[in-house]
C-alpha atoms as a PDB file:
ATOM      1  CA  UNK A   1      -0.220  -0.007  -0.168  1.00  0.00           C
ATOM      2  CA  UNK A   2       1.137   3.060  -0.845  1.00  0.00           C
ATOM      3  CA  UNK A   3       0.782   5.928   2.583  1.00  0.00           C
ATOM      4  CA  UNK A   4      -0.091  10.220   1.808  1.00  0.00           C
ATOM      5  CA  UNK A   5       1.941  10.080   4.978  1.00  0.00           C
ATOM      6  CA  UNK A   6       4.324   7.490   6.722  1.00  0.00           C
ATOM      7  CA  UNK A   7       5.429   8.477  10.220  1.00  0.00           C
ATOM      8  CA  UNK A   8       9.542   6.293  10.564  1.00  0.00           C
ATOM      9  CA  UNK A   9      10.936   5.096  13.799  1.00  0.00           C
ATOM     10  CA  UNK A  10       8.764   6.370  16.454  1.00  0.00           C
ATOM     11  CA  UNK A  11       8.741   5.567  20.123  1.00  0.00           C
ATOM     12  CA  UNK A  12       5.198   5.352  19.970  1.00  0.00           C
ATOM     13  CA  UNK A  13       3.161   5.537  23.091  1.00  0.00           C
ATOM     14  CA  UNK A  14       0.182   2.611  22.559  1.00  0.00           C
ATOM     15  CA  UNK A  15      -1.959   3.229  25.967  1.00  0.00           C
ATOM     16  CA  UNK A  16      -4.577   1.504  25.585  1.00  0.00           C
ATOM     17  CA  UNK A  17      -1.788  -1.966  25.798  1.00  0.00           C
ATOM     18  CA  UNK A  18      -4.380  -4.391  26.350  1.00  0.00           C
ATOM     19  CA  UNK A  19      -3.955  -6.438  22.862  1.00  0.00           C
ATOM     20  CA  UNK A  20       0.197  -8.089  23.710  1.00  0.00           C
ATOM     21  CA  UNK A  21       0.887  -6.714  20.835  1.00  0.00           C
ATOM     22  CA  UNK A  22       3.539  -4.091  21.252  1.00  0.00           C
ATOM     23  CA  UNK A  23       4.060  -2.840  24.790  1.00  0.00           C
ATOM     24  CA  UNK A  24       4.002   0.399  25.784  1.00  0.00           C
ATOM     25  CA  UNK A  25       6.149   2.031  24.386  1.00  0.00           C
ATOM     26  CA  UNK A  26       7.570   0.531  20.874  1.00  0.00           C
ATOM     27  CA  UNK A  27      10.143   2.074  18.369  1.00  0.00           C
ATOM     28  CA  UNK A  28       7.683   1.618  15.066  1.00  0.00           C
ATOM     29  CA  UNK A  29       6.295   3.885  11.857  1.00  0.00           C
ATOM     30  CA  UNK A  30       2.684   4.553  11.312  1.00  0.00           C
ATOM     31  CA  UNK A  31       0.897   4.620   8.036  1.00  0.00           C
ATOM     32  CA  UNK A  32      -1.479   6.805   7.432  1.00  0.00           C
ATOM     33  CA  UNK A  33      -4.231   7.084   4.034  1.00  0.00           C
ATOM     34  CA  UNK A  34      -6.805   9.715   3.541  1.00  0.00           C
ATOM     35  CA  UNK A  35      -6.303  11.351   7.271  1.00  0.00           C
ATOM     36  CA  UNK A  36      -6.478   8.097   8.776  1.00  0.00           C
ATOM     37  CA  UNK A  37      -3.618   5.960  11.099  1.00  0.00           C
ATOM     38  CA  UNK A  38      -4.690   2.485   8.559  1.00  0.00           C
ATOM     39  CA  UNK A  39      -1.223   0.686  10.020  1.00  0.00           C
ATOM     40  CA  UNK A  40       1.810   1.449  12.444  1.00  0.00           C
ATOM     41  CA  UNK A  41       4.052  -1.607  12.741  1.00  0.00           C
ATOM     42  CA  UNK A  42       7.126  -2.462  10.941  1.00  0.00           C
ATOM     43  CA  UNK A  43       6.934  -0.518   6.959  1.00  0.00           C
ATOM     44  CA  UNK A  44      10.398  -0.184   5.973  1.00  0.00           C
ATOM     45  CA  UNK A  45      10.092  -1.347   2.646  1.00  0.00           C
ATOM     46  CA  UNK A  46       6.072   1.070   2.453  1.00  0.00           C
ATOM     47  CA  UNK A  47       5.625   4.446  -0.438  1.00  0.00           C
ATOM     48  CA  UNK A  48       4.309   6.893   0.877  1.00  0.00           C
ATOM     49  CA  UNK A  49       4.253  10.922  -1.142  1.00  0.00           C
ATOM     50  CA  UNK A  50       5.426  12.115   1.934  1.00  0.00           C
ATOM     51  CA  UNK A  51       7.703  10.929   4.606  1.00  0.00           C
ATOM     52  CA  UNK A  52       8.258  12.145   8.145  1.00  0.00           C
ATOM     53  CA  UNK A  53      11.712  11.284  10.480  1.00  0.00           C
ATOM     54  CA  UNK A  54      10.680  11.129  13.346  1.00  0.00           C
ATOM     55  CA  UNK A  55      14.370   8.864  15.108  1.00  0.00           C
ATOM     56  CA  UNK A  56      14.483  10.261  19.373  1.00  0.00           C
ATOM     57  CA  UNK A  57      10.929  11.335  19.349  1.00  0.00           C
ATOM     58  CA  UNK A  58       7.588  10.725  20.588  1.00  0.00           C
ATOM     59  CA  UNK A  59       4.094  10.136  19.013  1.00  0.00           C
ATOM     60  CA  UNK A  60       1.349   9.873  20.795  1.00  0.00           C
ATOM     61  CA  UNK A  61      -1.892   8.080  18.240  1.00  0.00           C
ATOM     62  CA  UNK A  62      -5.340   8.591  19.716  1.00  0.00           C
ATOM     63  CA  UNK A  63      -3.022  10.573  22.905  1.00  0.00           C
ATOM     64  CA  UNK A  64      -7.087  12.968  22.516  1.00  0.00           C
ATOM     65  CA  UNK A  65      -9.789  11.985  22.625  1.00  0.00           C
ATOM     66  CA  UNK A  66     -12.171  14.952  21.390  1.00  0.00           C
ATOM     67  CA  UNK A  67     -15.288  12.822  21.658  1.00  0.00           C
ATOM     68  CA  UNK A  68     -16.751  15.548  24.591  1.00  0.00           C
ATOM     69  CA  UNK A  69     -20.496  15.080  26.402  1.00  0.00           C
ATOM     70  CA  UNK A  70     -22.967  17.593  25.226  1.00  0.00           C
ATOM     71  CA  UNK A  71     -22.885  20.416  28.344  1.00  0.00           C
ATOM     72  CA  UNK A  72     -25.977  22.521  27.076  1.00  0.00           C
ATOM     73  CA  UNK A  73     -24.228  25.034  25.743  1.00  0.00           C
END
């Protein structure tokens, strides 16, 4: 798959680590297509329109939950 954006070599924080497939902090790649994260893992041989090298940076996909309750305002 060719991604729109590929974020490579980032230290990914996985806050929902109940699958046991990744630890809470892993060096991984993130593939994004049509403004959605479609793959997290080793994407070393993947292609993308744009690539960001996130070496020594922390990535927290889904860290901010924008859902809110209607407070009547």
